[in-house]
PDB file of N, CA and C in Angstrom:
ATOM      1  N   MET A   1     -63.166 -83.672 -19.837  1.00  0.00           N
ATOM      2  CA  MET A   1     -64.121 -82.636 -20.111  1.00  0.00           C
ATOM      3  C   MET A   1     -63.744 -81.329 -19.422  1.00  0.00           C
ATOM      4  N   GLN A   2     -63.145 -81.412 -18.300  1.00  0.00           N
ATOM      5  CA  GLN A   2     -62.756 -80.206 -17.598  1.00  0.00           C
ATOM      6  C   GLN A   2     -61.550 -79.539 -18.264  1.00  0.00           C
ATOM      7  N   LEU A   3     -60.744 -80.306 -18.947  1.00  0.00           N
ATOM      8  CA  LEU A   3     -59.568 -79.743 -19.598  1.00  0.00           C
ATOM      9  C   LEU A   3     -59.946 -78.775 -20.715  1.00  0.00           C
ATOM     10  N   LYS A   4     -61.043 -79.029 -21.406  1.00  0.00           N
ATOM     11  CA  LYS A   4     -61.406 -78.121 -22.481  1.00  0.00           C
ATOM     12  C   LYS A   4     -61.951 -76.794 -21.949  1.00  0.00           C
ATOM     13  N   TYR A   5     -62.328 -76.710 -20.664  1.00  0.00           N
ATOM     14  CA  TYR A   5     -62.746 -75.438 -20.075  1.00  0.00           C
ATOM     15  C   TYR A   5     -61.577 -74.712 -19.387  1.00  0.00           C
ATOM     16  N   ILE A   6     -60.615 -75.451 -18.927  1.00  0.00           N
ATOM     17  CA  ILE A   6     -59.492 -74.851 -18.222  1.00  0.00           C
ATOM     18  C   ILE A   6     -58.569 -74.095 -19.195  1.00  0.00           C
ATOM     19  N   PHE A   7     -58.291 -74.669 -20.331  1.00  0.00           N
ATOM     20  CA  PHE A   7     -57.391 -74.043 -21.301  1.00  0.00           C
ATOM     21  C   PHE A   7     -57.914 -72.685 -21.788  1.00  0.00           C
ATOM     22  N   PRO A   8     -59.172 -72.547 -22.228  1.00  0.00           N
ATOM     23  CA  PRO A   8     -59.662 -71.211 -22.633  1.00  0.00           C
ATOM     24  C   PRO A   8     -59.722 -70.234 -21.460  1.00  0.00           C
ATOM     25  N   ALA A   9     -60.008 -70.729 -20.269  1.00  0.00           N
ATOM     26  CA  ALA A   9     -60.067 -69.845 -19.096  1.00  0.00           C
ATOM     27  C   ALA A   9     -58.681 -69.286 -18.790  1.00  0.00           C
ATOM     28  N   MET A  10     -57.637 -70.089 -18.946  1.00  0.00           N
ATOM     29  CA  MET A  10     -56.269 -69.616 -18.705  1.00  0.00           C
ATOM     30  C   MET A  10     -55.857 -68.579 -19.748  1.00  0.00           C
ATOM     31  N   ILE A  11     -56.294 -68.769 -20.972  1.00  0.00           N
ATOM     32  CA  ILE A  11     -55.973 -67.806 -22.025  1.00  0.00           C
ATOM     33  C   ILE A  11     -56.660 -66.471 -21.737  1.00  0.00           C
ATOM     34  N   VAL A  12     -57.919 -66.517 -21.340  1.00  0.00           N
ATOM     35  CA  VAL A  12     -58.663 -65.285 -21.037  1.00  0.00           C
ATOM     36  C   VAL A  12     -58.033 -64.572 -19.842  1.00  0.00           C
ATOM     37  N   LEU A  13     -57.671 -65.285 -18.803  1.00  0.00           N
ATOM     38  CA  LEU A  13     -57.051 -64.682 -17.625  1.00  0.00           C
ATOM     39  C   LEU A  13     -55.681 -64.079 -17.959  1.00  0.00           C
ATOM     40  N   SER A  14     -54.902 -64.740 -18.774  1.00  0.00           N
ATOM     41  CA  SER A  14     -53.590 -64.207 -19.137  1.00  0.00           C
ATOM     42  C   SER A  14     -53.734 -62.931 -19.969  1.00  0.00           C
ATOM     43  N   LEU A  15     -54.741 -62.872 -20.855  1.00  0.00           N
ATOM     44  CA  LEU A  15     -54.978 -61.653 -21.630  1.00  0.00           C
ATOM     45  C   LEU A  15     -55.447 -60.511 -20.728  1.00  0.00           C
ATOM     46  N   VAL A  16     -56.273 -60.821 -19.738  1.00  0.00           N
ATOM     47  CA  VAL A  16     -56.739 -59.787 -18.813  1.00  0.00           C
ATOM     48  C   VAL A  16     -55.570 -59.235 -18.003  1.00  0.00           C
ATOM     49  N   PHE A  17     -54.723 -60.106 -17.471  1.00  0.00           N
ATOM     50  CA  PHE A  17     -53.575 -59.643 -16.683  1.00  0.00           C
ATOM     51  C   PHE A  17     -52.568 -58.878 -17.545  1.00  0.00           C
ATOM     52  N   ALA A  18     -52.350 -59.302 -18.766  1.00  0.00           N
ATOM     53  CA  ALA A  18     -51.422 -58.611 -19.653  1.00  0.00           C
ATOM     54  C   ALA A  18     -51.987 -57.247 -20.047  1.00  0.00           C
ATOM     55  N   GLY A  19     -53.265 -57.165 -20.257  1.00  0.00           N
ATOM     56  CA  GLY A  19     -53.886 -55.902 -20.628  1.00  0.00           C
ATOM     57  C   GLY A  19     -53.910 -54.910 -19.477  1.00  0.00           C
ATOM     58  N   CYS A  20     -54.065 -55.371 -18.277  1.00  0.00           N
ATOM     59  CA  CYS A  20     -54.110 -54.480 -17.114  1.00  0.00           C
ATOM     60  C   CYS A  20     -52.720 -54.013 -16.689  1.00  0.00           C
ATOM     61  N   SER A  21     -51.714 -54.721 -17.078  1.00  0.00           N
ATOM     62  CA  SER A  21     -50.377 -54.329 -16.653  1.00  0.00           C
ATOM     63  C   SER A  21     -49.821 -53.169 -17.487  1.00  0.00           C
ATOM     64  N   LYS A  22     -50.385 -52.885 -18.638  1.00  0.00           N
ATOM     65  CA  LYS A  22     -49.916 -51.777 -19.473  1.00  0.00           C
ATOM     66  C   LYS A  22     -50.460 -50.466 -18.913  1.00  0.00           C
ATOM     67  N   LYS A  23     -49.592 -49.486 -18.836  1.00  0.00           N
ATOM     68  CA  LYS A  23     -50.019 -48.179 -18.357  1.00  0.00           C
ATOM     69  C   LYS A  23     -50.444 -47.339 -19.546  1.00  0.00           C
ATOM     70  N   HIS A  24     -51.539 -46.674 -19.394  1.00  0.00           N
ATOM     71  CA  HIS A  24     -52.061 -45.843 -20.472  1.00  0.00           C
ATOM     72  C   HIS A  24     -51.838 -44.392 -20.116  1.00  0.00           C
ATOM     73  N   GLN A  25     -51.200 -43.649 -21.010  1.00  0.00           N
ATOM     74  CA  GLN A  25     -51.002 -42.222 -20.824  1.00  0.00           C
ATOM     75  C   GLN A  25     -51.778 -41.509 -21.923  1.00  0.00           C
ATOM     76  N   PRO A  26     -52.760 -40.729 -21.538  1.00  0.00           N
ATOM     77  CA  PRO A  26     -53.553 -40.048 -22.561  1.00  0.00           C
ATOM     78  C   PRO A  26     -52.712 -39.031 -23.311  1.00  0.00           C
ATOM     79  N   GLN A  27     -52.950 -38.937 -24.601  1.00  0.00           N
ATOM     80  CA  GLN A  27     -52.206 -38.007 -25.432  1.00  0.00           C
ATOM     81  C   GLN A  27     -52.930 -36.671 -25.453  1.00  0.00           C
ATOM     82  N   THR A  28     -52.152 -35.597 -25.507  1.00  0.00           N
ATOM     83  CA  THR A  28     -52.748 -34.272 -25.593  1.00  0.00           C
ATOM     84  C   THR A  28     -52.804 -33.849 -27.050  1.00  0.00           C
ATOM     85  N   GLY A  29     -53.682 -32.943 -27.345  1.00  0.00           N
ATOM     86  CA  GLY A  29     -53.805 -32.458 -28.722  1.00  0.00           C
ATOM     87  C   GLY A  29     -54.775 -33.307 -29.509  1.00  0.00           C
ATOM     88  N   THR A  30     -55.041 -32.887 -30.742  1.00  0.00           N
ATOM     89  CA  THR A  30     -56.025 -33.583 -31.557  1.00  0.00           C
ATOM     90  C   THR A  30     -55.453 -34.857 -32.168  1.00  0.00           C
ATOM     91  N   ALA A  31     -54.252 -34.760 -32.704  1.00  0.00           N
ATOM     92  CA  ALA A  31     -53.682 -35.936 -33.365  1.00  0.00           C
ATOM     93  C   ALA A  31     -52.587 -36.572 -32.524  1.00  0.00           C
ATOM     94  N   GLY A  32     -52.348 -36.033 -31.344  1.00  0.00           N
ATOM     95  CA  GLY A  32     -51.307 -36.589 -30.504  1.00  0.00           C
ATOM     96  C   GLY A  32     -49.907 -36.170 -30.883  1.00  0.00           C
ATOM     97  N   THR A  33     -49.806 -35.145 -31.751  1.00  0.00           N
ATOM     98  CA  THR A  33     -48.479 -34.709 -32.181  1.00  0.00           C
ATOM     99  C   THR A  33     -47.895 -33.654 -31.242  1.00  0.00           C
ATOM    100  N   GLU A  34     -48.744 -33.000 -30.475  1.00  0.00           N
ATOM    101  CA  GLU A  34     -48.262 -31.965 -29.569  1.00  0.00           C
ATOM    102  C   GLU A  34     -47.705 -32.610 -28.311  1.00  0.00           C
ATOM    103  N   LYS A  35     -46.578 -32.099 -27.875  1.00  0.00           N
ATOM    104  CA  LYS A  35     -45.975 -32.601 -26.640  1.00  0.00           C
ATOM    105  C   LYS A  35     -46.465 -31.747 -25.481  1.00  0.00           C
ATOM    106  N   PRO A  36     -46.572 -32.323 -24.311  1.00  0.00           N
ATOM    107  CA  PRO A  36     -46.970 -31.506 -23.168  1.00  0.00           C
ATOM    108  C   PRO A  36     -45.907 -30.455 -22.863  1.00  0.00           C
ATOM    109  N   ALA A  37     -46.353 -29.333 -22.365  1.00  0.00           N
ATOM    110  CA  ALA A  37     -45.431 -28.230 -22.083  1.00  0.00           C
ATOM    111  C   ALA A  37     -44.445 -28.647 -20.997  1.00  0.00           C
ATOM    112  N   GLU A  38     -43.162 -28.406 -21.280  1.00  0.00           N
ATOM    113  CA  GLU A  38     -42.132 -28.754 -20.312  1.00  0.00           C
ATOM    114  C   GLU A  38     -41.969 -27.607 -19.328  1.00  0.00           C
ATOM    115  N   LYS A  39     -41.778 -27.952 -18.096  1.00  0.00           N
ATOM    116  CA  LYS A  39     -41.574 -26.930 -17.083  1.00  0.00           C
ATOM    117  C   LYS A  39     -40.132 -26.460 -17.139  1.00  0.00           C
ATOM    118  N   LYS A  40     -39.951 -25.171 -17.152  1.00  0.00           N
ATOM    119  CA  LYS A  40     -38.614 -24.598 -17.182  1.00  0.00           C
ATOM    120  C   LYS A  40     -38.140 -24.419 -15.749  1.00  0.00           C
ATOM    121  N   LEU A  41     -36.897 -24.774 -15.535  1.00  0.00           N
ATOM    122  CA  LEU A  41     -36.314 -24.592 -14.217  1.00  0.00           C
ATOM    123  C   LEU A  41     -35.784 -23.167 -14.104  1.00  0.00           C
ATOM    124  N   LEU A  42     -36.173 -22.495 -13.058  1.00  0.00           N
ATOM    125  CA  LEU A  42     -35.694 -21.150 -12.823  1.00  0.00           C
ATOM    126  C   LEU A  42     -34.477 -21.213 -11.927  1.00  0.00           C
ATOM    127  N   VAL A  43     -33.412 -20.605 -12.391  1.00  0.00           N
ATOM    128  CA  VAL A  43     -32.181 -20.563 -11.611  1.00  0.00           C
ATOM    129  C   VAL A  43     -32.029 -19.145 -11.089  1.00  0.00           C
ATOM    130  N   LYS A  44     -32.069 -19.027  -9.775  1.00  0.00           N
ATOM    131  CA  LYS A  44     -31.937 -17.710  -9.174  1.00  0.00           C
ATOM    132  C   LYS A  44     -30.478 -17.457  -8.856  1.00  0.00           C
ATOM    133  N   LYS A  45     -29.988 -16.328  -9.299  1.00  0.00           N
ATOM    134  CA  LYS A  45     -28.617 -15.956  -9.019  1.00  0.00           C
ATOM    135  C   LYS A  45     -28.560 -15.311  -7.644  1.00  0.00           C
ATOM    136  N   ALA A  46     -27.494 -15.601  -6.961  1.00  0.00           N
ATOM    137  CA  ALA A  46     -27.300 -14.985  -5.655  1.00  0.00           C
ATOM    138  C   ALA A  46     -27.021 -13.497  -5.851  1.00  0.00           C
ATOM    139  N   PRO A  47     -27.599 -12.661  -5.018  1.00  0.00           N
ATOM    140  CA  PRO A  47     -27.331 -11.223  -5.178  1.00  0.00           C
ATOM    141  C   PRO A  47     -25.872 -10.917  -4.895  1.00  0.00           C
ATOM    142  N   GLN A  48     -25.327 -10.046  -5.700  1.00  0.00           N
ATOM    143  CA  GLN A  48     -23.927  -9.693  -5.545  1.00  0.00           C
ATOM    144  C   GLN A  48     -23.765  -8.803  -4.323  1.00  0.00           C
ATOM    145  N   LYS A  49     -22.676  -9.046  -3.605  1.00  0.00           N
ATOM    146  CA  LYS A  49     -22.389  -8.205  -2.460  1.00  0.00           C
ATOM    147  C   LYS A  49     -21.913  -6.850  -2.946  1.00  0.00           C
ATOM    148  N   LEU A  50     -22.394  -5.832  -2.306  1.00  0.00           N
ATOM    149  CA  LEU A  50     -21.914  -4.502  -2.627  1.00  0.00           C
ATOM    150  C   LEU A  50     -20.644  -4.269  -1.821  1.00  0.00           C
ATOM    151  N   LEU A  51     -19.559  -4.125  -2.528  1.00  0.00           N
ATOM    152  CA  LEU A  51     -18.279  -3.925  -1.872  1.00  0.00           C
ATOM    153  C   LEU A  51     -17.999  -2.441  -1.751  1.00  0.00           C
ATOM    154  N   PRO A  52     -17.568  -2.005  -0.573  1.00  0.00           N
ATOM    155  CA  PRO A  52     -17.237  -0.592  -0.438  1.00  0.00           C
ATOM    156  C   PRO A  52     -15.956  -0.266  -1.201  1.00  0.00           C
ATOM    157  N   LYS A  53     -15.900   0.916  -1.718  1.00  0.00           N
ATOM    158  CA  LYS A  53     -14.713   1.332  -2.465  1.00  0.00           C
ATOM    159  C   LYS A  53     -13.611   1.812  -1.523  1.00  0.00           C
ATOM    160  N   VAL A  54     -14.014   2.273  -0.335  1.00  0.00           N
ATOM    161  CA  VAL A  54     -13.052   2.796   0.636  1.00  0.00           C
ATOM    162  C   VAL A  54     -13.355   2.160   1.992  1.00  0.00           C
ATOM    163  N   ILE A  55     -12.303   1.670   2.668  1.00  0.00           N
ATOM    164  CA  ILE A  55     -12.455   1.122   4.016  1.00  0.00           C
ATOM    165  C   ILE A  55     -11.376   1.720   4.910  1.00  0.00           C
ATOM    166  N   THR A  56     -11.629   1.655   6.203  1.00  0.00           N
ATOM    167  CA  THR A  56     -10.646   2.105   7.176  1.00  0.00           C
ATOM    168  C   THR A  56     -10.194   0.892   7.973  1.00  0.00           C
ATOM    169  N   VAL A  57      -8.906   0.631   7.962  1.00  0.00           N
ATOM    170  CA  VAL A  57      -8.334  -0.550   8.602  1.00  0.00           C
ATOM    171  C   VAL A  57      -7.145  -0.103   9.441  1.00  0.00           C
ATOM    172  N   ASP A  58      -6.975  -0.746  10.586  1.00  0.00           N
ATOM    173  CA  ASP A  58      -5.789  -0.487  11.389  1.00  0.00           C
ATOM    174  C   ASP A  58      -4.572  -1.024  10.628  1.00  0.00           C
ATOM    175  N   ASP A  59      -3.491  -0.272  10.619  1.00  0.00           N
ATOM    176  CA  ASP A  59      -2.315  -0.670   9.855  1.00  0.00           C
ATOM    177  C   ASP A  59      -1.673  -1.954  10.394  1.00  0.00           C
ATOM    178  N   ARG A  60      -1.956  -2.302  11.645  1.00  0.00           N
ATOM    179  CA  ARG A  60      -1.407  -3.553  12.201  1.00  0.00           C
ATOM    180  C   ARG A  60      -2.084  -4.781  11.584  1.00  0.00           C
ATOM    181  N   ALA A  61      -3.332  -4.621  11.079  1.00  0.00           N
ATOM    182  CA  ALA A  61      -4.043  -5.735  10.448  1.00  0.00           C
ATOM    183  C   ALA A  61      -3.668  -5.886   8.977  1.00  0.00           C
ATOM    184  N   ALA A  62      -3.081  -4.841   8.398  1.00  0.00           N
ATOM    185  CA  ALA A  62      -2.719  -4.872   6.977  1.00  0.00           C
ATOM    186  C   ALA A  62      -1.431  -5.656   6.775  1.00  0.00           C
ATOM    187  N   LYS A  63      -1.217  -6.073   5.546  1.00  0.00           N
ATOM    188  CA  LYS A  63       0.005  -6.803   5.175  1.00  0.00           C
ATOM    189  C   LYS A  63       0.878  -5.890   4.319  1.00  0.00           C
ATOM    190  N   LYS A  64       2.131  -6.227   4.264  1.00  0.00           N
ATOM    191  CA  LYS A  64       3.065  -5.408   3.509  1.00  0.00           C
ATOM    192  C   LYS A  64       3.473  -6.161   2.245  1.00  0.00           C
ATOM    193  N   SER A  65       3.451  -5.467   1.113  1.00  0.00           N
ATOM    194  CA  SER A  65       3.857  -6.092  -0.144  1.00  0.00           C
ATOM    195  C   SER A  65       5.369  -6.020  -0.277  1.00  0.00           C
ATOM    196  N   VAL A  66       5.898  -6.566  -1.357  1.00  0.00           N
ATOM    197  CA  VAL A  66       7.341  -6.612  -1.588  1.00  0.00           C
ATOM    198  C   VAL A  66       7.924  -5.205  -1.723  1.00  0.00           C
ATOM    199  N   ASP A  67       7.174  -4.310  -2.352  1.00  0.00           N
ATOM    200  CA  ASP A  67       7.695  -2.954  -2.542  1.00  0.00           C
ATOM    201  C   ASP A  67       7.410  -2.033  -1.348  1.00  0.00           C
ATOM    202  N   GLY A  68       6.850  -2.540  -0.254  1.00  0.00           N
ATOM    203  CA  GLY A  68       6.664  -1.764   0.962  1.00  0.00           C
ATOM    204  C   GLY A  68       5.296  -1.138   1.130  1.00  0.00           C
ATOM    205  N   ARG A  69       4.413  -1.317   0.159  1.00  0.00           N
ATOM    206  CA  ARG A  69       3.068  -0.741   0.282  1.00  0.00           C
ATOM    207  C   ARG A  69       2.204  -1.634   1.155  1.00  0.00           C
ATOM    208  N   LEU A  70       1.241  -1.047   1.858  1.00  0.00           N
ATOM    209  CA  LEU A  70       0.327  -1.797   2.718  1.00  0.00           C
ATOM    210  C   LEU A  70      -0.941  -2.137   1.957  1.00  0.00           C
ATOM    211  N   TYR A  71      -1.445  -3.343   2.185  1.00  0.00           N
ATOM    212  CA  TYR A  71      -2.697  -3.765   1.561  1.00  0.00           C
ATOM    213  C   TYR A  71      -3.491  -4.600   2.548  1.00  0.00           C
ATOM    214  N   TYR A  72      -4.793  -4.721   2.263  1.00  0.00           N
ATOM    215  CA  TYR A  72      -5.692  -5.501   3.113  1.00  0.00           C
ATOM    216  C   TYR A  72      -6.646  -6.260   2.196  1.00  0.00           C
ATOM    217  N   ASP A  73      -6.793  -7.560   2.425  1.00  0.00           N
ATOM    218  CA  ASP A  73      -7.702  -8.387   1.622  1.00  0.00           C
ATOM    219  C   ASP A  73      -9.030  -8.541   2.351  1.00  0.00           C
ATOM    220  N   LEU A  74     -10.126  -8.274   1.653  1.00  0.00           N
ATOM    221  CA  LEU A  74     -11.461  -8.386   2.219  1.00  0.00           C
ATOM    222  C   LEU A  74     -12.381  -9.019   1.182  1.00  0.00           C
ATOM    223  N   ASP A  75     -12.942 -10.179   1.506  1.00  0.00           N
ATOM    224  CA  ASP A  75     -13.864 -10.898   0.612  1.00  0.00           C
ATOM    225  C   ASP A  75     -13.265 -11.135  -0.771  1.00  0.00           C
ATOM    226  N   GLY A  76     -12.002 -11.466  -0.831  1.00  0.00           N
ATOM    227  CA  GLY A  76     -11.356 -11.771  -2.097  1.00  0.00           C
ATOM    228  C   GLY A  76     -10.955 -10.551  -2.906  1.00  0.00           C
ATOM    229  N   ARG A  77     -11.103  -9.375  -2.336  1.00  0.00           N
ATOM    230  CA  ARG A  77     -10.713  -8.134  -3.015  1.00  0.00           C
ATOM    231  C   ARG A  77      -9.553  -7.515  -2.253  1.00  0.00           C
ATOM    232  N   ARG A  78      -8.698  -6.833  -2.980  1.00  0.00           N
ATOM    233  CA  ARG A  78      -7.525  -6.230  -2.348  1.00  0.00           C
ATOM    234  C   ARG A  78      -7.689  -4.711  -2.296  1.00  0.00           C
ATOM    235  N   TYR A  79      -7.458  -4.183  -1.107  1.00  0.00           N
ATOM    236  CA  TYR A  79      -7.505  -2.751  -0.857  1.00  0.00           C
ATOM    237  C   TYR A  79      -6.086  -2.270  -0.560  1.00  0.00           C
ATOM    238  N   TRP A  80      -5.687  -1.138  -1.168  1.00  0.00           N
ATOM    239  CA  TRP A  80      -4.355  -0.580  -0.979  1.00  0.00           C
ATOM    240  C   TRP A  80      -4.449   0.698  -0.173  1.00  0.00           C
ATOM    241  N   ARG A  81      -3.438   0.928   0.662  1.00  0.00           N
ATOM    242  CA  ARG A  81      -3.444   2.088   1.551  1.00  0.00           C
ATOM    243  C   ARG A  81      -3.039   3.346   0.791  1.00  0.00           C
ATOM    244  N   ASN A  82      -3.821   4.403   1.008  1.00  0.00           N
ATOM    245  CA  ASN A  82      -3.500   5.723   0.504  1.00  0.00           C
ATOM    246  C   ASN A  82      -2.755   6.418   1.631  1.00  0.00           C
ATOM    247  N   TYR A  83      -1.505   6.788   1.402  1.00  0.00           N
ATOM    248  CA  TYR A  83      -0.672   7.355   2.460  1.00  0.00           C
ATOM    249  C   TYR A  83      -1.009   8.822   2.743  1.00  0.00           C
ATOM    250  N   ASP A  84      -1.797   9.473   1.911  1.00  0.00           N
ATOM    251  CA  ASP A  84      -2.186  10.857   2.174  1.00  0.00           C
ATOM    252  C   ASP A  84      -3.304  10.932   3.218  1.00  0.00           C
ATOM    253  N   ASP A  85      -4.344  10.100   3.067  1.00  0.00           N
ATOM    254  CA  ASP A  85      -5.465  10.168   4.013  1.00  0.00           C
ATOM    255  C   ASP A  85      -5.547   8.960   4.953  1.00  0.00           C
ATOM    256  N   GLY A  86      -4.739   7.922   4.743  1.00  0.00           N
ATOM    257  CA  GLY A  86      -4.703   6.767   5.642  1.00  0.00           C
ATOM    258  C   GLY A  86      -5.804   5.749   5.415  1.00  0.00           C
ATOM    259  N   LYS A  87      -6.628   5.906   4.403  1.00  0.00           N
ATOM    260  CA  LYS A  87      -7.705   4.962   4.106  1.00  0.00           C
ATOM    261  C   LYS A  87      -7.234   3.948   3.079  1.00  0.00           C
ATOM    262  N   TYR A  88      -7.970   2.851   2.993  1.00  0.00           N
ATOM    263  CA  TYR A  88      -7.652   1.783   2.040  1.00  0.00           C
ATOM    264  C   TYR A  88      -8.679   1.816   0.918  1.00  0.00           C
ATOM    265  N   TYR A  89      -8.176   1.818  -0.311  1.00  0.00           N
ATOM    266  CA  TYR A  89      -9.026   1.935  -1.497  1.00  0.00           C
ATOM    267  C   TYR A  89      -8.985   0.634  -2.295  1.00  0.00           C
ATOM    268  N   LEU A  90     -10.133   0.290  -2.892  1.00  0.00           N
ATOM    269  CA  LEU A  90     -10.226  -0.888  -3.746  1.00  0.00           C
ATOM    270  C   LEU A  90      -9.269  -0.720  -4.918  1.00  0.00           C
ATOM    271  N   PHE A  91      -8.613  -1.802  -5.310  1.00  0.00           N
ATOM    272  CA  PHE A  91      -7.569  -1.734  -6.345  1.00  0.00           C
ATOM    273  C   PHE A  91      -8.114  -1.151  -7.638  1.00  0.00           C
ATOM    274  N   ASN A  92      -7.302  -0.295  -8.238  1.00  0.00           N
ATOM    275  CA  ASN A  92      -7.607   0.315  -9.518  1.00  0.00           C
ATOM    276  C   ASN A  92      -6.281   0.497 -10.257  1.00  0.00           C
ATOM    277  N   LYS A  93      -6.289   0.410 -11.580  1.00  0.00           N
ATOM    278  CA  LYS A  93      -5.048   0.532 -12.354  1.00  0.00           C
ATOM    279  C   LYS A  93      -4.390   1.902 -12.205  1.00  0.00           C
ATOM    280  N   SER A  94      -5.171   2.920 -11.901  1.00  0.00           N
ATOM    281  CA  SER A  94      -4.605   4.260 -11.775  1.00  0.00           C
ATOM    282  C   SER A  94      -3.731   4.396 -10.524  1.00  0.00           C
ATOM    283  N   MET A  95      -3.756   3.411  -9.646  1.00  0.00           N
ATOM    284  CA  MET A  95      -2.943   3.461  -8.433  1.00  0.00           C
ATOM    285  C   MET A  95      -1.458   3.291  -8.730  1.00  0.00           C
ATOM    286  N   TYR A  96      -1.116   2.681  -9.844  1.00  0.00           N
ATOM    287  CA  TYR A  96       0.288   2.453 -10.167  1.00  0.00           C
ATOM    288  C   TYR A  96       1.075   3.751 -10.267  1.00  0.00           C
ATOM    289  N   GLY A  97       0.540   4.741 -10.917  1.00  0.00           N
ATOM    290  CA  GLY A  97       1.263   5.986 -11.120  1.00  0.00           C
ATOM    291  C   GLY A  97       0.950   7.057 -10.081  1.00  0.00           C
ATOM    292  N   ASN A  98       0.042   6.777  -9.164  1.00  0.00           N
ATOM    293  CA  ASN A  98      -0.367   7.761  -8.180  1.00  0.00           C
ATOM    294  C   ASN A  98       0.618   7.753  -6.998  1.00  0.00           C
ATOM    295  N   PRO A  99       1.255   8.878  -6.707  1.00  0.00           N
ATOM    296  CA  PRO A  99       2.238   8.894  -5.611  1.00  0.00           C
ATOM    297  C   PRO A  99       1.600   8.774  -4.224  1.00  0.00           C
ATOM    298  N   ALA A 100       0.288   8.949  -4.117  1.00  0.00           N
ATOM    299  CA  ALA A 100      -0.372   8.821  -2.818  1.00  0.00           C
ATOM    300  C   ALA A 100      -0.381   7.364  -2.340  1.00  0.00           C
ATOM    301  N   PHE A 101      -0.193   6.408  -3.240  1.00  0.00           N
ATOM    302  CA  PHE A 101      -0.222   4.999  -2.878  1.00  0.00           C
ATOM    303  C   PHE A 101       1.168   4.404  -2.704  1.00  0.00           C
ATOM    304  N   THR A 102       2.206   5.219  -2.784  1.00  0.00           N
ATOM    305  CA  THR A 102       3.564   4.734  -2.543  1.00  0.00           C
ATOM    306  C   THR A 102       4.025   5.267  -1.189  1.00  0.00           C
ATOM    307  N   PRO A 103       4.713   4.452  -0.405  1.00  0.00           N
ATOM    308  CA  PRO A 103       5.143   4.923   0.924  1.00  0.00           C
ATOM    309  C   PRO A 103       6.155   6.056   0.791  1.00  0.00           C
ATOM    310  N   HIS A 104       6.042   7.020   1.677  1.00  0.00           N
ATOM    311  CA  HIS A 104       6.914   8.206   1.640  1.00  0.00           C
ATOM    312  C   HIS A 104       8.267   7.913   2.223  1.00  0.00           C
TER     313      HIS A 104
END
């Protein structure tokens, strides 16, 4: 007689445990077709360093190129010596033909 009560009780308990283990996520919108708004990731760019166009460097710290001109590397940029005023200028294509950047 007890067996006929145990079997239905086990079925009811198993249905309760199975039903409680499912996670319910409420749907947004009227028909559930709308997706929740996705958060956009903001990527902040590092501010660019302002590089000076002209620097003053001691000639002992500068390096000499193959053709005899002096240069100085600073933050991955190359500065070439102007032999007229002694300052170092950020590289520019116009330096090739300028006689101020060739050693006298």
